Amino acid sequence: MSEERRNQREEKKKRRCRICGTRKAVIRKYNLQVCRRCFKEVAELLGFKKFD
């Protein structure tokens, strides 16, 4: 395994949701670091609007 691939795996292991601590489905865009389940709860507080 290449060194670059190994670094990507290590980086993925470090990613955690700030709220609940899960490692699954973490949204990193805009440096949120929140899983999709927690994001759904706090999106409006962060200034995101839901479009129908």
N, C-alpha and C. Protein backbone atom coordinates (compact mmCIF):
# COMPACT_ATOMS: atom_id res chain seq x y z
N MET A 1 0.85 -1.17 0.00
CA MET A 1 0.00 0.00 0.00
C MET A 1 0.90 1.24 0.00
N SER A 2 0.54 2.21 -0.80
CA SER A 2 1.35 3.41 -0.89
C SER A 2 1.21 4.27 0.36
N GLU A 3 2.19 5.08 0.57
CA GLU A 3 2.22 5.97 1.75
C GLU A 3 1.06 6.95 1.72
N GLU A 4 0.73 7.45 0.52
CA GLU A 4 -0.38 8.41 0.39
C GLU A 4 -1.70 7.77 0.78
N ARG A 5 -1.92 6.55 0.34
CA ARG A 5 -3.17 5.83 0.66
C ARG A 5 -3.27 5.57 2.16
N ARG A 6 -2.16 5.24 2.77
CA ARG A 6 -2.13 4.98 4.21
C ARG A 6 -2.47 6.25 4.99
N ASN A 7 -1.97 7.39 4.54
CA ASN A 7 -2.26 8.66 5.19
C ASN A 7 -3.74 9.01 5.08
N GLN A 8 -4.36 8.69 3.95
CA GLN A 8 -5.78 8.97 3.77
C GLN A 8 -6.61 8.15 4.75
N ARG A 9 -6.23 6.92 4.95
CA ARG A 9 -6.96 6.06 5.90
C ARG A 9 -6.82 6.57 7.33
N GLU A 10 -5.63 6.98 7.69
CA GLU A 10 -5.41 7.51 9.04
C GLU A 10 -6.22 8.79 9.25
N GLU A 11 -6.28 9.63 8.24
CA GLU A 11 -7.05 10.87 8.33
C GLU A 11 -8.53 10.58 8.51
N LYS A 12 -9.05 9.58 7.80
CA LYS A 12 -10.46 9.23 7.90
C LYS A 12 -10.80 8.71 9.29
N LYS A 13 -9.88 8.01 9.93
CA LYS A 13 -10.11 7.49 11.27
C LYS A 13 -10.23 8.62 12.29
N LYS A 14 -9.58 9.73 12.03
CA LYS A 14 -9.59 10.86 12.97
C LYS A 14 -10.87 11.68 12.90
N ARG A 15 -11.58 11.63 11.77
CA ARG A 15 -12.78 12.44 11.59
C ARG A 15 -13.89 11.97 12.52
N ARG A 16 -14.44 12.90 13.29
CA ARG A 16 -15.54 12.58 14.18
C ARG A 16 -16.52 13.74 14.21
N CYS A 17 -17.76 13.42 14.51
CA CYS A 17 -18.78 14.44 14.67
C CYS A 17 -18.50 15.21 15.95
N ARG A 18 -18.60 16.53 15.89
CA ARG A 18 -18.37 17.36 17.08
C ARG A 18 -19.43 17.15 18.15
N ILE A 19 -20.64 16.78 17.74
CA ILE A 19 -21.76 16.68 18.66
C ILE A 19 -21.88 15.30 19.29
N CYS A 20 -21.98 14.26 18.45
CA CYS A 20 -22.23 12.92 18.99
C CYS A 20 -21.00 12.02 18.97
N GLY A 21 -19.97 12.37 18.21
CA GLY A 21 -18.74 11.59 18.20
C GLY A 21 -18.68 10.44 17.22
N THR A 22 -19.72 10.24 16.42
CA THR A 22 -19.70 9.14 15.45
C THR A 22 -18.71 9.43 14.33
N ARG A 23 -18.28 8.38 13.67
CA ARG A 23 -17.34 8.53 12.56
C ARG A 23 -18.03 8.37 11.21
N LYS A 24 -19.31 8.11 11.20
CA LYS A 24 -20.03 7.85 9.96
C LYS A 24 -20.72 9.11 9.43
N ALA A 25 -20.65 9.30 8.13
CA ALA A 25 -21.36 10.38 7.43
C ALA A 25 -21.03 11.77 7.97
N VAL A 26 -19.76 12.07 8.16
CA VAL A 26 -19.34 13.37 8.68
C VAL A 26 -19.28 14.39 7.55
N ILE A 27 -19.94 15.52 7.73
CA ILE A 27 -19.94 16.62 6.76
C ILE A 27 -18.77 17.53 7.08
N ARG A 28 -17.81 17.59 6.16
CA ARG A 28 -16.61 18.39 6.40
C ARG A 28 -16.65 19.74 5.69
N LYS A 29 -17.61 19.90 4.78
CA LYS A 29 -17.69 21.15 4.03
C LYS A 29 -17.90 22.32 4.98
N TYR A 30 -17.26 23.44 4.69
CA TYR A 30 -17.28 24.64 5.53
C TYR A 30 -16.73 24.36 6.92
N ASN A 31 -15.94 23.29 7.05
CA ASN A 31 -15.32 22.92 8.32
C ASN A 31 -16.36 22.67 9.42
N LEU A 32 -17.48 22.05 9.05
CA LEU A 32 -18.54 21.76 10.01
C LEU A 32 -18.17 20.64 10.96
N GLN A 33 -17.64 19.53 10.43
CA GLN A 33 -17.28 18.35 11.23
C GLN A 33 -18.46 17.84 12.05
N VAL A 34 -19.62 17.73 11.40
CA VAL A 34 -20.85 17.28 12.05
C VAL A 34 -21.43 16.16 11.20
N CYS A 35 -21.93 15.10 11.83
CA CYS A 35 -22.54 14.02 11.05
C CYS A 35 -23.88 14.48 10.49
N ARG A 36 -24.37 13.76 9.51
CA ARG A 36 -25.60 14.18 8.83
C ARG A 36 -26.80 14.18 9.76
N ARG A 37 -26.83 13.29 10.74
CA ARG A 37 -27.97 13.22 11.67
C ARG A 37 -27.98 14.44 12.59
N CYS A 38 -26.82 14.81 13.11
CA CYS A 38 -26.75 15.99 13.96
C CYS A 38 -26.95 17.27 13.15
N PHE A 39 -26.47 17.27 11.91
CA PHE A 39 -26.64 18.44 11.06
C PHE A 39 -28.10 18.75 10.84
N LYS A 40 -28.90 17.71 10.66
CA LYS A 40 -30.33 17.91 10.44
C LYS A 40 -30.97 18.62 11.62
N GLU A 41 -30.47 18.36 12.82
CA GLU A 41 -31.03 18.99 14.03
C GLU A 41 -30.58 20.44 14.19
N VAL A 42 -29.35 20.75 13.82
CA VAL A 42 -28.80 22.08 14.10
C VAL A 42 -28.64 22.97 12.86
N ALA A 43 -29.10 22.52 11.71
CA ALA A 43 -28.89 23.27 10.47
C ALA A 43 -29.45 24.68 10.52
N GLU A 44 -30.65 24.85 11.03
CA GLU A 44 -31.25 26.18 11.08
C GLU A 44 -30.51 27.10 12.04
N LEU A 45 -29.99 26.55 13.13
CA LEU A 45 -29.21 27.36 14.07
C LEU A 45 -27.91 27.86 13.43
N LEU A 46 -27.39 27.07 12.49
CA LEU A 46 -26.16 27.45 11.80
C LEU A 46 -26.41 28.39 10.63
N GLY A 47 -27.68 28.63 10.29
CA GLY A 47 -28.00 29.57 9.22
C GLY A 47 -28.35 28.92 7.90
N PHE A 48 -28.50 27.62 7.87
CA PHE A 48 -28.90 26.94 6.64
C PHE A 48 -30.42 26.92 6.54
N LYS A 49 -30.92 27.05 5.32
CA LYS A 49 -32.35 27.05 5.09
C LYS A 49 -32.73 25.83 4.28
N LYS A 50 -33.88 25.24 4.60
CA LYS A 50 -34.37 24.06 3.90
C LYS A 50 -35.23 24.51 2.72
N PHE A 51 -34.91 23.98 1.54
CA PHE A 51 -35.69 24.26 0.34
C PHE A 51 -36.60 23.08 0.06
N ASP A 52 -37.83 23.37 -0.34
CA ASP A 52 -38.79 22.30 -0.64
C ASP A 52 -38.62 21.78 -2.04
